[in-house]
């Protein structure tokens, strides 16, 4: 491996600290010890690495790391090769400011620095440390999705390194089947080394707040959402967390409402009013207005700074905030976090972004399965000890299965699984639905040897 003639860096366990640093992921549970970590300096470095892996008597497993924020092991390999794209992180805004090109190893931090300086926007992740690649290939639900849809709905083209080493450009007119597949089909078809996104006008200033209060009656959960929906537009977003904040670690609801286009603060005052009324003086809601999305993406830094890093996340979609669904998840979360202090940092996040724009794209137009209006939930199992990791895994699995089944019962719609919050043991038909046969056909064309099989695996059509 070390004899490959590439411009980038090849790290092996013998290199000590540099190798260990390259293993780092957002979750300790995502780390596997690779035989080699390759950090390409340019796109041309990737082809010989793929050729080397394929030439071995038993083909070497290849994993691709973008941001490393996912809580699964998809960006890691036990004894294989990790292609770590972090050096391929260039971002370039077009002269007319209508599009932006982003290399596959960039974080959203890299993108927001450029868009904030130029006073333009792109549909991206809510957190700065999330990788552009994984976020986008799974769909890309972001804070601007209420106005502009998902990240994949704003993707204009991409450059992909295929399993055979060829580098192709894909768009609606070039390699259109591949373009269809990477918009919601994940990283199963090649290594996306560049994305070109549509750019939108400035959406700021942005006003956000935080409200923490204990829940005495589960009916309050639905009340706050009903009130929020009365004033919410595509310019407002709301996330609700079930969490036990220190120092008392009592079960609380934490509300994070935020607004776009809030020039004079009037929008925030109107949309935040329901939360102030519900709190009944139990907590205050501080307003904070920031000028750009770069600042918004750092809003959770302090809260995450001391969060346990033994993290497993699962998530799914749901049709509406049914009282039976909210109350049952609350009970499950309270019961799990009550008796074991090792796991009391575990949390549940509900996202309420107006979903209408998601449904602007018809089912089947992209590989993303679910296109009717819906919301998403993330179950975060966090443990301070190795001994409680299995309990966190069981908790997250139990809750998402419950949410999926209960939502199907209440709405009549089985929305399946949320790819970006899967762990890899999910059935592909539950993730991709009716799109799976076409995805298998595309896989057979672009990766017939199933080189890129990390994640929710799509078998090539025989």
Protein backbone atom coordinates (compact mmCIF):
# COMPACT_ATOMS: atom_id res chain seq x y z
CA UNK A 1 0.00 0.00 0.00
CA UNK A 2 2.77 2.42 0.95
CA UNK A 3 4.31 1.99 -2.53
CA UNK A 4 1.38 3.64 -4.30
CA UNK A 5 2.45 6.77 -6.14
CA UNK A 6 -0.02 9.34 -4.84
CA UNK A 7 0.29 12.95 -3.74
CA UNK A 8 -1.71 12.42 -0.58
CA UNK A 9 -0.97 10.70 2.71
CA UNK A 10 -1.13 7.01 3.62
CA UNK A 11 -1.41 6.26 7.34
CA UNK A 12 -0.94 2.87 8.99
CA UNK A 13 -0.98 1.84 12.67
CA UNK A 14 2.82 2.03 12.77
CA UNK A 15 2.61 5.83 12.41
CA UNK A 16 1.16 6.24 15.89
CA UNK A 17 -0.48 9.55 16.75
CA UNK A 18 -1.17 10.60 13.15
CA UNK A 19 -2.99 7.33 12.50
CA UNK A 20 -4.95 7.56 15.77
CA UNK A 21 -5.98 11.14 14.98
CA UNK A 22 -7.29 10.03 11.59
CA UNK A 23 -9.47 7.38 13.27
CA UNK A 24 -11.36 10.04 15.21
CA UNK A 25 -15.12 10.23 14.65
CA UNK A 26 -17.97 12.17 16.24
CA UNK A 27 -19.01 9.00 18.08
CA UNK A 28 -16.54 6.70 19.77
CA UNK A 29 -18.76 3.84 18.61
CA UNK A 30 -17.98 4.69 14.97
CA UNK A 31 -14.27 3.91 15.25
CA UNK A 32 -12.78 0.80 13.66
CA UNK A 33 -9.06 0.17 13.16
CA UNK A 34 -8.33 0.27 9.45
CA UNK A 35 -5.25 -1.37 7.95
CA UNK A 36 -4.63 1.85 5.99
CA UNK A 37 -6.09 5.34 5.90
CA UNK A 38 -5.58 7.19 2.62
CA UNK A 39 -5.99 10.96 2.57
CA UNK A 40 -6.05 11.98 -1.10
CA UNK A 41 -4.52 15.32 -2.02
CA UNK A 42 -6.47 15.41 -5.27
CA UNK A 43 -9.09 13.33 -7.04
CA UNK A 44 -6.46 11.48 -9.11
CA UNK A 45 -5.16 9.84 -5.90
CA UNK A 46 -8.34 7.81 -5.49
CA UNK A 47 -8.15 5.67 -8.63
CA UNK A 48 -4.93 3.78 -7.74
CA UNK A 49 -6.24 3.11 -4.24
CA UNK A 50 -9.38 1.48 -5.64
CA UNK A 51 -7.28 -0.52 -8.08
CA UNK A 52 -5.04 -1.73 -5.25
CA UNK A 53 -8.03 -2.82 -3.15
CA UNK A 54 -9.58 -4.71 -6.07
CA UNK A 55 -6.30 -6.46 -6.97
CA UNK A 56 -5.93 -8.26 -3.66
CA UNK A 57 -6.60 -12.01 -3.57
CA UNK A 58 -9.53 -11.27 -1.34
CA UNK A 59 -10.67 -7.74 -2.31
CA UNK A 60 -10.00 -5.30 0.50
CA UNK A 61 -12.97 -3.52 2.03
CA UNK A 62 -13.16 0.18 1.15
CA UNK A 63 -14.86 2.75 3.37
CA UNK A 64 -15.21 6.44 2.58
CA UNK A 65 -15.06 9.18 5.21
CA UNK A 66 -16.37 12.68 4.63
CA UNK A 67 -17.20 14.43 7.91
CA UNK A 68 -17.31 11.42 10.21
CA UNK A 69 -20.40 12.71 12.04
CA UNK A 70 -22.56 9.62 11.53
CA UNK A 71 -22.87 7.40 14.61
CA UNK A 72 -22.54 4.18 12.59
CA UNK A 73 -19.32 2.59 11.34
CA UNK A 74 -20.03 3.38 7.68
CA UNK A 75 -16.99 5.67 7.42
CA UNK A 76 -14.68 3.17 9.12
CA UNK A 77 -13.27 -0.27 8.31
CA UNK A 78 -12.01 -3.11 10.48
CA UNK A 79 -8.79 -4.09 8.70
CA UNK A 80 -9.66 -2.49 5.37
CA UNK A 81 -8.90 0.80 3.66
CA UNK A 82 -10.50 4.11 4.59
CA UNK A 83 -10.43 6.82 1.94
CA UNK A 84 -10.53 9.96 4.07
CA UNK A 85 -11.56 12.93 1.92
CA UNK A 86 -10.82 15.66 4.45
CA UNK A 87 -8.13 17.29 2.27
CA UNK A 88 -10.64 17.59 -0.58
CA UNK A 89 -12.60 20.39 1.06
CA UNK A 90 -12.49 23.28 -1.41
CA UNK A 91 -15.59 25.42 -1.84
CA UNK A 92 -16.08 27.85 -4.74
CA UNK A 93 -19.00 30.21 -5.34
CA UNK A 94 -19.74 30.89 -9.00
CA UNK A 95 -19.21 34.44 -10.27
CA UNK A 96 -22.94 34.94 -10.80
CA UNK A 97 -23.62 33.56 -7.26
CA UNK A 98 -26.20 31.14 -8.64
CA UNK A 99 -24.30 27.96 -7.78
CA UNK A 100 -21.60 26.72 -5.45
CA UNK A 101 -19.19 23.81 -5.93
CA UNK A 102 -18.20 21.83 -2.86
CA UNK A 103 -15.64 19.05 -2.70
CA UNK A 104 -16.69 15.78 -1.11
CA UNK A 105 -14.54 16.11 2.00
CA UNK A 106 -15.89 19.50 3.03
CA UNK A 107 -17.84 20.12 6.21
CA UNK A 108 -20.79 22.50 6.20
CA UNK A 109 -18.51 24.82 8.18
CA UNK A 110 -16.39 25.20 5.02
CA UNK A 111 -19.48 26.04 2.98
CA UNK A 112 -21.05 28.46 5.44
CA UNK A 113 -17.87 30.50 5.69
CA UNK A 114 -18.14 31.23 1.97
CA UNK A 115 -21.90 31.75 1.78
CA UNK A 116 -21.89 34.01 4.85
CA UNK A 117 -19.23 36.26 3.36
CA UNK A 118 -21.17 36.48 0.10
CA UNK A 119 -24.58 36.96 1.79
CA UNK A 120 -26.15 33.97 0.02
CA UNK A 121 -27.60 30.66 1.23
CA UNK A 122 -27.47 26.95 0.42
CA UNK A 123 -29.58 24.15 1.85
CA UNK A 124 -27.25 22.46 4.32
CA UNK A 125 -27.03 20.83 7.74
CA UNK A 126 -28.00 22.53 11.01
CA UNK A 127 -24.60 21.74 12.55
CA UNK A 128 -21.25 22.94 11.20
CA UNK A 129 -19.31 19.69 11.76
CA UNK A 130 -21.54 17.52 9.56
CA UNK A 131 -19.97 16.37 6.30
CA UNK A 132 -21.49 17.66 3.08
CA UNK A 133 -21.27 14.26 1.36
CA UNK A 134 -23.12 11.94 3.72
CA UNK A 135 -25.71 14.59 4.58
CA UNK A 136 -26.55 15.19 0.93
CA UNK A 137 -26.52 11.60 -0.34
CA UNK A 138 -29.10 10.64 2.30
CA UNK A 139 -31.48 13.44 1.32
CA UNK A 140 -30.36 16.47 3.28
CA UNK A 141 -33.04 17.76 5.67
CA UNK A 142 -31.91 21.22 6.76
CA UNK A 143 -33.12 24.41 8.44
CA UNK A 144 -33.78 26.00 5.04
CA UNK A 145 -35.79 23.02 3.76
CA UNK A 146 -39.04 24.76 4.66
CA UNK A 147 -38.32 27.33 1.95
CA UNK A 148 -36.15 25.44 -0.53
CA UNK A 149 -36.66 21.69 -0.09
CA UNK A 150 -33.97 19.14 0.60
CA UNK A 151 -30.28 19.33 -0.29
CA UNK A 152 -30.80 16.76 -3.06
CA UNK A 153 -33.53 18.95 -4.54
CA UNK A 154 -30.96 21.71 -4.88
CA UNK A 155 -28.19 19.55 -6.34
CA UNK A 156 -27.32 20.60 -9.90
CA UNK A 157 -24.54 18.14 -10.67
CA UNK A 158 -21.85 15.98 -9.09
CA UNK A 159 -18.51 14.40 -9.90
CA UNK A 160 -18.15 10.75 -8.95
CA UNK A 161 -15.21 8.34 -8.84
CA UNK A 162 -16.59 4.94 -9.84
CA UNK A 163 -15.45 1.55 -8.58
CA UNK A 164 -13.39 0.97 -11.73
CA UNK A 165 -11.53 4.24 -11.19
CA UNK A 166 -13.29 6.28 -13.85
CA UNK A 167 -14.23 9.83 -12.92
CA UNK A 168 -17.61 10.90 -14.31
CA UNK A 169 -19.76 13.97 -14.08
CA UNK A 170 -23.44 13.37 -13.45
CA UNK A 171 -26.48 15.62 -13.72
CA UNK A 172 -30.00 15.56 -15.11
CA UNK A 173 -28.50 15.28 -18.62
CA UNK A 174 -25.18 13.47 -17.97
CA UNK A 175 -25.32 9.96 -16.53
CA UNK A 176 -28.91 10.71 -15.43
CA UNK A 177 -29.50 7.32 -13.79
CA UNK A 178 -26.50 7.85 -11.54
CA UNK A 179 -27.70 11.37 -10.73
CA UNK A 180 -31.09 9.95 -9.78
CA UNK A 181 -29.51 7.31 -7.54
CA UNK A 182 -27.17 9.56 -5.54
CA UNK A 183 -30.07 11.82 -4.63
CA UNK A 184 -31.26 9.78 -1.67
CA UNK A 185 -29.61 6.43 -2.40
CA UNK A 186 -26.55 7.03 -0.20
CA UNK A 187 -22.93 6.31 -1.00
CA UNK A 188 -23.48 2.96 -2.70
CA UNK A 189 -22.57 3.98 -6.25
CA UNK A 190 -19.20 5.67 -6.06
CA UNK A 191 -17.24 8.37 -4.26
CA UNK A 192 -18.76 11.79 -4.82
CA UNK A 193 -15.79 14.14 -4.91
CA UNK A 194 -17.69 17.29 -5.87
CA UNK A 195 -21.22 18.59 -5.48
CA UNK A 196 -22.66 21.62 -7.26
CA UNK A 197 -25.61 23.17 -5.45
CA UNK A 198 -28.14 25.83 -6.30
CA UNK A 199 -27.60 29.05 -4.34
CA UNK A 200 -30.43 31.12 -2.83
CA UNK A 201 -30.75 34.75 -1.69
CA UNK A 202 -29.74 35.76 1.82
CA UNK A 203 -32.22 34.47 4.42
CA UNK A 204 -31.07 36.39 7.49
CA UNK A 205 -30.95 37.84 9.99
CA UNK A 206 -31.69 34.71 12.03
CA UNK A 207 -33.28 34.83 15.48
CA UNK A 208 -33.25 31.85 17.82
CA UNK A 209 -34.04 31.12 21.41
CA UNK A 210 -34.07 28.39 23.99
CA UNK A 211 -36.76 27.47 26.49
CA UNK A 212 -36.29 24.80 29.14
CA UNK A 213 -39.12 23.72 31.36
CA UNK A 214 -40.30 20.57 33.13
CA UNK A 215 -43.41 18.84 31.85
CA UNK A 216 -46.06 18.22 34.48
CA UNK A 217 -48.66 16.91 32.04
CA UNK A 218 -47.91 15.14 28.76
CA UNK A 219 -50.78 17.04 27.13
CA UNK A 220 -48.50 20.08 27.18
CA UNK A 221 -46.39 18.42 24.49
CA UNK A 222 -49.17 18.62 21.94
CA UNK A 223 -50.31 22.06 23.14
CA UNK A 224 -46.99 23.66 22.30
CA UNK A 225 -46.98 22.17 18.80
CA UNK A 226 -50.58 23.15 18.12
CA UNK A 227 -49.83 26.74 19.12
CA UNK A 228 -46.66 26.82 17.06
CA UNK A 229 -48.48 25.57 13.97
CA UNK A 230 -50.91 28.51 14.20
CA UNK A 231 -48.16 30.99 13.36
CA UNK A 232 -45.50 28.87 11.68
CA UNK A 233 -44.58 29.50 8.07
CA UNK A 234 -41.76 28.15 5.92
CA UNK A 235 -39.55 30.84 7.50
CA UNK A 236 -39.79 29.34 10.99
CA UNK A 237 -38.31 26.12 12.33
CA UNK A 238 -38.84 24.39 15.63
CA UNK A 239 -37.01 21.55 17.33
CA UNK A 240 -38.17 19.96 20.54
CA UNK A 241 -35.85 17.88 22.73
CA UNK A 242 -36.62 15.50 25.55
CA UNK A 243 -33.58 16.04 27.75
CA UNK A 244 -32.30 16.01 31.34
CA UNK A 245 -30.18 19.15 31.70
CA UNK A 246 -27.80 19.52 34.66
CA UNK A 247 -27.58 20.13 37.53
CA UNK A 248 -30.89 18.52 38.53
CA UNK A 249 -31.26 16.14 35.54
CA UNK A 250 -35.04 16.31 35.75
CA UNK A 251 -37.03 15.30 32.64
CA UNK A 252 -37.52 18.46 30.64
CA UNK A 253 -38.64 19.66 27.27
CA UNK A 254 -36.18 21.97 25.58
CA UNK A 255 -37.60 24.11 22.79
CA UNK A 256 -35.40 25.63 20.09
CA UNK A 257 -37.53 27.91 17.91
CA UNK A 258 -35.81 29.87 15.15
CA UNK A 259 -36.76 32.29 12.42
CA UNK A 260 -35.42 33.51 9.09
CA UNK A 261 -35.72 37.01 7.59
CA UNK A 262 -36.05 38.55 11.06
CA UNK A 263 -34.89 42.08 10.33
CA UNK A 264 -36.62 43.84 13.24
CA UNK A 265 -37.38 40.93 15.59
CA UNK A 266 -41.12 41.05 14.94
CA UNK A 267 -41.23 37.59 13.42
CA UNK A 268 -39.50 36.07 16.45
CA UNK A 269 -41.78 37.85 18.91
CA UNK A 270 -44.84 36.53 17.12
CA UNK A 271 -43.66 32.95 16.59
CA UNK A 272 -42.06 32.57 20.04
CA UNK A 273 -45.15 33.82 21.90
CA UNK A 274 -46.73 30.34 22.36
CA UNK A 275 -43.68 29.10 24.21
CA UNK A 276 -43.62 32.08 26.56
CA UNK A 277 -47.29 31.56 27.36
CA UNK A 278 -46.85 27.85 27.95
CA UNK A 279 -43.90 28.37 30.26
CA UNK A 280 -46.10 30.42 32.62
CA UNK A 281 -43.10 32.09 34.15
CA UNK A 282 -41.18 28.87 34.74
CA UNK A 283 -38.42 29.82 32.31
CA UNK A 284 -37.30 32.73 30.21
CA UNK A 285 -36.72 32.66 26.48
CA UNK A 286 -33.68 34.76 25.55
CA UNK A 287 -33.68 36.12 22.01
CA UNK A 288 -30.49 36.13 20.04
CA UNK A 289 -30.20 37.44 16.50
CA UNK A 290 -27.19 36.52 14.37
CA UNK A 291 -26.34 37.73 10.87
CA UNK A 292 -25.49 34.50 9.06
CA UNK A 293 -25.88 30.76 8.96
CA UNK A 294 -22.28 30.19 9.94
CA UNK A 295 -23.19 31.50 13.39
CA UNK A 296 -26.44 29.53 13.45
CA UNK A 297 -24.57 26.27 12.78
CA UNK A 298 -22.45 26.85 15.92
CA UNK A 299 -25.43 27.47 18.21
CA UNK A 300 -25.30 24.00 19.78
CA UNK A 301 -21.54 23.96 20.40
CA UNK A 302 -21.74 24.63 24.12
CA UNK A 303 -24.44 22.02 24.69
CA UNK A 304 -22.48 19.37 22.79
CA UNK A 305 -19.11 20.18 24.33
CA UNK A 306 -19.53 17.85 27.30
CA UNK A 307 -22.02 15.38 25.80
CA UNK A 308 -20.92 11.73 26.16
CA UNK A 309 -19.22 10.55 22.98
CA UNK A 310 -20.42 6.96 23.17
CA UNK A 311 -23.26 7.88 20.87
CA UNK A 312 -25.69 5.86 18.80
CA UNK A 313 -28.43 7.57 16.81
CA UNK A 314 -31.41 6.11 15.03
CA UNK A 315 -34.21 8.07 13.44
CA UNK A 316 -37.29 7.77 11.34
CA UNK A 317 -40.07 9.84 9.80
CA UNK A 318 -43.60 10.40 11.00
CA UNK A 319 -46.70 12.04 9.54
CA UNK A 320 -47.88 14.26 12.40
CA UNK A 321 -47.37 14.98 16.08
CA UNK A 322 -50.08 12.65 17.34
CA UNK A 323 -50.65 12.90 21.12
CA UNK A 324 -50.46 9.11 21.47
CA UNK A 325 -47.10 9.11 19.71
CA UNK A 326 -45.60 12.00 21.66
CA UNK A 327 -46.78 10.71 25.03
CA UNK A 328 -45.61 7.16 24.48
CA UNK A 329 -42.12 8.25 23.37
CA UNK A 330 -41.92 10.56 26.39
CA UNK A 331 -42.73 7.63 28.70
CA UNK A 332 -40.17 5.36 27.02
CA UNK A 333 -37.47 8.01 27.26
CA UNK A 334 -38.24 8.88 30.91
CA UNK A 335 -38.21 5.20 31.92
CA UNK A 336 -34.88 4.58 30.15
CA UNK A 337 -33.05 7.59 31.55
CA UNK A 338 -34.51 7.42 35.07
CA UNK A 339 -32.77 4.41 36.52
CA UNK A 340 -29.28 4.54 35.04
CA UNK A 341 -27.18 7.71 35.43
CA UNK A 342 -24.78 6.39 32.76
CA UNK A 343 -27.42 6.97 30.06
CA UNK A 344 -29.30 10.02 31.32
CA UNK A 345 -27.70 12.19 28.62
CA UNK A 346 -29.74 10.25 26.06
CA UNK A 347 -32.26 12.48 24.31
CA UNK A 348 -35.04 12.59 21.76
CA UNK A 349 -35.16 15.29 19.08
CA UNK A 350 -38.29 16.16 17.11
CA UNK A 351 -37.98 18.42 14.07
CA UNK A 352 -40.86 20.60 12.93
CA UNK A 353 -39.94 22.24 9.65
CA UNK A 354 -42.85 23.01 7.32
CA UNK A 355 -42.72 19.93 5.06
CA UNK A 356 -44.61 21.18 2.02
CA UNK A 357 -41.54 21.73 -0.18
CA UNK A 358 -40.44 18.12 0.35
CA UNK A 359 -43.63 17.06 -1.43
CA UNK A 360 -42.96 19.37 -4.40
CA UNK A 361 -40.86 16.53 -5.83
CA UNK A 362 -42.95 13.57 -6.93
CA UNK A 363 -42.20 10.05 -5.64
CA UNK A 364 -39.70 8.37 -7.92
CA UNK A 365 -38.14 11.58 -9.25
CA UNK A 366 -35.20 11.00 -6.90
CA UNK A 367 -34.09 7.90 -5.02
CA UNK A 368 -35.47 9.26 -1.74
CA UNK A 369 -38.43 7.09 -0.82
CA UNK A 370 -40.68 9.40 1.19
CA UNK A 371 -42.07 12.44 -0.59
CA UNK A 372 -45.40 13.09 1.10
CA UNK A 373 -45.28 15.81 3.80
CA UNK A 374 -43.64 14.43 6.94
CA UNK A 375 -41.38 15.23 9.88
CA UNK A 376 -38.43 13.40 11.42
CA UNK A 377 -37.30 12.25 14.83
CA UNK A 378 -33.81 11.36 16.09
CA UNK A 379 -33.25 9.11 19.10
CA UNK A 380 -29.85 9.74 20.68
CA UNK A 381 -28.48 7.06 22.99
CA UNK A 382 -25.51 8.49 24.92
CA UNK A 383 -23.53 6.52 27.49
CA UNK A 384 -20.72 7.51 29.83
CA UNK A 385 -19.55 3.89 30.12
CA UNK A 386 -18.88 0.96 27.82
CA UNK A 387 -21.14 -1.20 29.95
CA UNK A 388 -24.25 0.81 29.04
CA UNK A 389 -23.66 1.01 25.28
CA UNK A 390 -25.77 -2.07 24.54
CA UNK A 391 -28.63 -0.59 26.53
CA UNK A 392 -28.43 2.56 24.39
CA UNK A 393 -28.47 0.50 21.23
CA UNK A 394 -31.53 -1.39 22.41
CA UNK A 395 -33.30 1.82 23.47
CA UNK A 396 -32.78 3.62 20.16
CA UNK A 397 -33.85 0.57 18.18
CA UNK A 398 -36.96 0.05 20.30
CA UNK A 399 -38.12 3.66 20.05
CA UNK A 400 -37.72 4.04 16.28
CA UNK A 401 -39.51 0.76 15.68
CA UNK A 402 -42.32 1.95 17.93
CA UNK A 403 -42.55 5.32 16.15
CA UNK A 404 -42.65 3.70 12.73
CA UNK A 405 -45.34 1.21 13.75
CA UNK A 406 -47.44 3.71 15.71
CA UNK A 407 -47.31 6.25 12.91
CA UNK A 408 -48.45 3.62 10.41
CA UNK A 409 -51.32 2.73 12.73
CA UNK A 410 -52.43 6.35 13.22
CA UNK A 411 -51.82 7.71 9.72
CA UNK A 412 -52.22 4.67 7.50
CA UNK A 413 -48.75 5.38 6.03
CA UNK A 414 -45.62 3.34 6.68
CA UNK A 415 -42.82 5.83 6.04
CA UNK A 416 -39.98 3.35 6.52
CA UNK A 417 -36.54 4.41 7.76
CA UNK A 418 -34.54 7.63 7.55
CA UNK A 419 -31.33 6.65 5.71
CA UNK A 420 -29.08 9.23 7.36
CA UNK A 421 -30.04 7.87 10.78
CA UNK A 422 -29.86 4.18 9.98
CA UNK A 423 -27.24 1.88 11.48
CA UNK A 424 -26.95 -0.56 8.56
CA UNK A 425 -29.00 -3.49 9.83
CA UNK A 426 -32.21 -2.12 8.32
CA UNK A 427 -33.79 -3.86 5.33
CA UNK A 428 -33.08 -1.90 2.13
CA UNK A 429 -36.71 -2.26 1.02
CA UNK A 430 -37.75 -0.40 4.18
CA UNK A 431 -35.35 2.43 3.39
CA UNK A 432 -35.80 2.74 -0.38
CA UNK A 433 -39.26 1.25 -0.94
CA UNK A 434 -40.41 1.07 -4.55
CA UNK A 435 -37.17 2.70 -5.68
CA UNK A 436 -35.08 -0.32 -4.68
CA UNK A 437 -35.34 -2.29 -7.96
CA UNK A 438 -34.14 0.71 -9.96
CA UNK A 439 -31.38 1.37 -7.45
CA UNK A 440 -30.21 -2.23 -7.83
CA UNK A 441 -30.12 -1.77 -11.61
CA UNK A 442 -28.06 1.42 -11.28
CA UNK A 443 -25.77 -0.38 -8.86
CA UNK A 444 -25.21 -3.13 -11.42
CA UNK A 445 -24.15 -0.53 -13.99
CA UNK A 446 -21.83 1.58 -11.85
CA UNK A 447 -20.63 -0.79 -9.10
CA UNK A 448 -21.30 -4.38 -10.22
CA UNK A 449 -18.64 -5.76 -7.86
CA UNK A 450 -20.29 -4.12 -4.85
CA UNK A 451 -17.13 -2.26 -3.82
CA UNK A 452 -19.14 0.46 -2.04
CA UNK A 453 -21.19 -1.65 0.36
CA UNK A 454 -20.92 0.23 3.65
CA UNK A 455 -24.24 1.42 5.02
CA UNK A 456 -27.65 0.12 3.99
CA UNK A 457 -26.33 -2.21 1.31
CA UNK A 458 -27.92 -2.26 -2.15
CA UNK A 459 -27.14 -5.48 -3.97
CA UNK A 460 -26.42 -5.14 -7.69
CA UNK A 461 -29.16 -6.53 -9.89
CA UNK A 462 -28.02 -9.80 -11.44
